[in-house]
């Protein structure tokens, strides 16, 4: 069993601590072996969404990964308990600021499912457009950042150019580029602007060749 404070403060602490540690080890497990324990994180270049993983490695193979969610958990569930449903929508933007529209929709869908509500087809179509464009934007950043890590600077610039076009569309639709807060329980805060669909089609026409 684990050693106690009394064991540590005893006249012969080294022997007692070593014995307690040995009792925790599996049979046949020695001090010098193939296993290595490493901390991955919580460092992150942008300090957003940091995550710590305690990894156990057998050579180059990860045999165990223990996540530490303390760097990500902010008690949003408890905050939501003291709010009306739509008041919590701005908090969902921050769950993943790279895809805030998707988070807005996911939260609204959860509340609507609990209430047994079904929104009109146009509302569903608008939400689908929001989620798909948000997904493209998020993937562009992931692809560009990965390419930059590999030394492909040009790919990073291409992806961010296309991502900037999407942010212009988000700003036209919601009035904001990052923290959109566009979806509401039961629908959206407003309908699509008249120029949104033509601009979206123009983006998609240009995006195909850029992607290739």
Protein backbone atom coordinates (compact mmCIF):
# COMPACT_ATOMS: atom_id res chain seq x y z
CA UNK A 1 0.00 0.00 0.00
CA UNK A 2 1.21 3.62 -0.47
CA UNK A 3 3.59 5.06 2.09
CA UNK A 4 2.27 7.45 4.73
CA UNK A 5 3.59 10.62 6.35
CA UNK A 6 4.60 8.60 9.40
CA UNK A 7 6.69 6.30 7.24
CA UNK A 8 8.47 9.24 5.62
CA UNK A 9 9.26 10.83 9.00
CA UNK A 10 10.50 7.59 10.57
CA UNK A 11 14.17 7.20 11.64
CA UNK A 12 14.89 5.17 8.50
CA UNK A 13 12.73 6.86 5.82
CA UNK A 14 14.68 5.65 2.79
CA UNK A 15 14.18 1.99 3.60
CA UNK A 16 10.50 2.40 4.45
CA UNK A 17 9.69 4.47 1.37
CA UNK A 18 11.52 2.01 -0.87
CA UNK A 19 9.60 -0.88 0.69
CA UNK A 20 6.27 0.90 0.22
CA UNK A 21 7.13 1.69 -3.38
CA UNK A 22 8.11 -1.92 -4.03
CA UNK A 23 4.74 -3.07 -2.70
CA UNK A 24 3.03 -1.03 -5.40
CA UNK A 25 5.01 -2.57 -8.23
CA UNK A 26 3.71 -5.43 -10.29
CA UNK A 27 5.52 -8.75 -9.92
CA UNK A 28 8.58 -8.86 -12.14
CA UNK A 29 8.67 -5.11 -12.65
CA UNK A 30 12.15 -3.66 -12.08
CA UNK A 31 13.51 -0.14 -11.82
CA UNK A 32 15.38 -0.29 -15.13
CA UNK A 33 13.20 -1.43 -18.01
CA UNK A 34 11.78 -0.46 -21.37
CA UNK A 35 8.98 1.77 -20.04
CA UNK A 36 9.40 5.54 -20.00
CA UNK A 37 7.01 8.15 -18.59
CA UNK A 38 6.88 11.52 -20.33
CA UNK A 39 4.83 14.67 -19.88
CA UNK A 40 3.38 15.99 -23.14
CA UNK A 41 2.34 19.58 -22.61
CA UNK A 42 0.82 21.71 -21.28
CA UNK A 43 3.00 23.93 -23.45
CA UNK A 44 1.35 25.21 -26.63
CA UNK A 45 2.68 27.84 -29.07
CA UNK A 46 -0.50 29.91 -28.87
CA UNK A 47 -1.38 29.05 -25.21
CA UNK A 48 -4.98 28.27 -26.26
CA UNK A 49 -6.64 24.96 -25.50
CA UNK A 50 -3.62 23.59 -23.68
CA UNK A 51 -3.75 19.94 -22.69
CA UNK A 52 -1.39 17.82 -20.59
CA UNK A 53 -0.91 14.13 -21.32
CA UNK A 54 1.12 11.80 -19.12
CA UNK A 55 2.45 9.24 -21.58
CA UNK A 56 3.89 5.81 -20.86
CA UNK A 57 6.11 4.60 -23.69
CA UNK A 58 7.51 1.21 -24.53
CA UNK A 59 10.24 2.20 -26.95
CA UNK A 60 8.43 4.36 -29.51
CA UNK A 61 4.98 2.89 -28.79
CA UNK A 62 2.60 4.74 -26.45
CA UNK A 63 1.15 2.09 -24.15
CA UNK A 64 -0.79 4.44 -21.89
CA UNK A 65 -1.98 8.06 -22.04
CA UNK A 66 -3.52 9.82 -19.05
CA UNK A 67 -5.09 13.23 -19.88
CA UNK A 68 -5.17 16.08 -17.39
CA UNK A 69 -8.31 18.07 -18.22
CA UNK A 70 -7.61 20.70 -15.60
CA UNK A 71 -6.15 23.01 -18.22
CA UNK A 72 -9.31 22.87 -20.33
CA UNK A 73 -12.20 22.61 -17.86
CA UNK A 74 -13.66 25.96 -16.86
CA UNK A 75 -16.86 24.94 -15.16
CA UNK A 76 -19.15 25.97 -18.01
CA UNK A 77 -21.76 23.45 -16.93
CA UNK A 78 -22.07 25.14 -13.54
CA UNK A 79 -22.26 28.58 -15.13
CA UNK A 80 -25.09 27.37 -17.37
CA UNK A 81 -27.16 26.36 -14.35
CA UNK A 82 -27.67 30.02 -13.45
CA UNK A 83 -28.60 31.26 -16.93
CA UNK A 84 -31.48 31.12 -19.33
CA UNK A 85 -30.82 28.81 -22.27
CA UNK A 86 -30.00 31.48 -24.85
CA UNK A 87 -27.86 33.45 -22.40
CA UNK A 88 -25.35 30.60 -22.45
CA UNK A 89 -24.80 30.69 -26.23
CA UNK A 90 -21.81 33.12 -26.07
CA UNK A 91 -20.02 30.67 -23.76
CA UNK A 92 -20.22 27.96 -26.42
CA UNK A 93 -18.14 30.14 -28.77
CA UNK A 94 -15.19 29.68 -26.44
CA UNK A 95 -15.41 25.88 -26.26
CA UNK A 96 -13.51 25.80 -29.55
CA UNK A 97 -12.90 29.28 -30.86
CA UNK A 98 -11.77 27.88 -34.24
CA UNK A 99 -15.29 26.57 -34.93
CA UNK A 100 -17.68 28.72 -32.87
CA UNK A 101 -20.63 28.28 -35.23
CA UNK A 102 -20.49 24.50 -34.82
CA UNK A 103 -20.44 24.86 -31.04
CA UNK A 104 -23.46 27.18 -31.14
CA UNK A 105 -25.41 24.65 -33.19
CA UNK A 106 -24.40 21.67 -31.03
CA UNK A 107 -25.59 23.40 -27.85
CA UNK A 108 -28.88 24.52 -29.42
CA UNK A 109 -29.52 20.99 -30.73
CA UNK A 110 -28.98 19.55 -27.25
CA UNK A 111 -31.49 21.92 -25.64
CA UNK A 112 -34.01 21.42 -28.46
CA UNK A 113 -33.75 17.66 -28.11
CA UNK A 114 -34.51 17.90 -24.40
CA UNK A 115 -37.51 20.12 -25.14
CA UNK A 116 -38.75 18.00 -28.03
CA UNK A 117 -38.56 20.90 -30.48
CA UNK A 118 -38.05 20.65 -34.24
CA UNK A 119 -37.00 23.78 -36.13
CA UNK A 120 -38.22 24.64 -39.68
CA UNK A 121 -36.34 23.27 -42.73
CA UNK A 122 -34.85 26.67 -43.60
CA UNK A 123 -33.39 26.92 -40.11
CA UNK A 124 -31.84 23.46 -40.50
CA UNK A 125 -30.37 24.45 -43.86
CA UNK A 126 -28.81 27.60 -42.41
CA UNK A 127 -27.32 25.60 -39.55
CA UNK A 128 -25.87 23.09 -42.02
CA UNK A 129 -24.22 25.92 -43.97
CA UNK A 130 -22.81 27.33 -40.73
CA UNK A 131 -21.39 23.99 -39.60
CA UNK A 132 -19.85 23.09 -42.96
CA UNK A 133 -18.19 26.47 -43.53
CA UNK A 134 -16.96 26.44 -39.93
CA UNK A 135 -15.53 22.95 -40.45
CA UNK A 136 -13.67 24.07 -43.58
CA UNK A 137 -12.24 27.04 -41.70
CA UNK A 138 -11.07 24.88 -38.80
CA UNK A 139 -9.49 22.28 -41.09
CA UNK A 140 -7.69 24.97 -43.07
CA UNK A 141 -5.97 26.14 -39.90
CA UNK A 142 -5.07 22.59 -38.88
CA UNK A 143 -3.66 21.78 -42.31
CA UNK A 144 -1.75 25.04 -42.53
CA UNK A 145 -0.24 24.73 -39.05
CA UNK A 146 0.83 21.13 -39.73
CA UNK A 147 2.41 22.16 -43.03
CA UNK A 148 4.24 25.01 -41.31
CA UNK A 149 5.69 22.58 -38.77
CA UNK A 150 6.97 20.51 -41.71
CA UNK A 151 8.57 23.56 -43.29
CA UNK A 152 5.95 24.10 -46.01
CA UNK A 153 5.49 27.82 -45.56
CA UNK A 154 3.62 28.30 -48.84
CA UNK A 155 0.87 25.86 -47.85
CA UNK A 156 0.36 27.79 -44.62
CA UNK A 157 -0.11 31.04 -46.57
CA UNK A 158 -2.55 29.44 -49.03
CA UNK A 159 -4.73 27.99 -46.27
CA UNK A 160 -4.82 31.23 -44.32
CA UNK A 161 -5.78 33.18 -47.44
CA UNK A 162 -8.83 30.95 -47.93
CA UNK A 163 -9.60 31.04 -44.22
CA UNK A 164 -9.64 34.83 -44.30
CA UNK A 165 -12.29 34.72 -47.04
CA UNK A 166 -14.45 32.53 -44.81
CA UNK A 167 -14.03 34.94 -41.90
CA UNK A 168 -15.36 37.70 -44.14
CA UNK A 169 -18.43 35.54 -44.76
CA UNK A 170 -18.82 34.89 -41.02
CA UNK A 171 -18.63 38.61 -40.35
CA UNK A 172 -21.30 39.27 -42.97
CA UNK A 173 -23.55 36.59 -41.48
CA UNK A 174 -23.08 37.15 -37.75
CA UNK A 175 -21.38 40.52 -37.32
CA UNK A 176 -18.29 38.88 -35.80
CA UNK A 177 -15.34 36.87 -37.04
CA UNK A 178 -14.52 34.63 -34.07
CA UNK A 179 -17.10 34.72 -31.28
CA UNK A 180 -20.19 34.57 -33.46
CA UNK A 181 -23.05 33.70 -31.03
CA UNK A 182 -25.29 33.32 -34.08
CA UNK A 183 -27.45 30.30 -33.23
CA UNK A 184 -30.33 30.46 -30.77
CA UNK A 185 -32.41 27.72 -29.23
CA UNK A 186 -35.20 27.33 -31.77
CA UNK A 187 -33.37 28.90 -34.72
CA UNK A 188 -30.91 31.71 -35.44
CA UNK A 189 -30.67 35.29 -34.28
CA UNK A 190 -31.37 36.54 -37.84
CA UNK A 191 -31.93 35.29 -41.38
CA UNK A 192 -29.22 35.13 -44.05
CA UNK A 193 -28.25 38.51 -45.56
CA UNK A 194 -29.24 38.85 -49.22
CA UNK A 195 -25.63 38.93 -50.41
CA UNK A 196 -24.49 35.94 -48.34
CA UNK A 197 -25.42 33.08 -50.71
CA UNK A 198 -23.91 34.77 -53.83
CA UNK A 199 -20.68 35.45 -51.94
CA UNK A 200 -20.61 31.90 -50.57
CA UNK A 201 -21.02 30.49 -54.10
CA UNK A 202 -18.20 32.73 -55.31
CA UNK A 203 -15.96 31.46 -52.53
CA UNK A 204 -16.74 27.82 -53.34
CA UNK A 205 -16.02 28.36 -57.04
CA UNK A 206 -12.58 29.76 -56.20
CA UNK A 207 -11.88 27.35 -53.34
CA UNK A 208 -11.80 24.19 -55.48
CA UNK A 209 -8.77 25.21 -57.57
CA UNK A 210 -7.00 26.57 -54.49
CA UNK A 211 -7.53 23.28 -52.69
CA UNK A 212 -6.10 21.33 -55.63
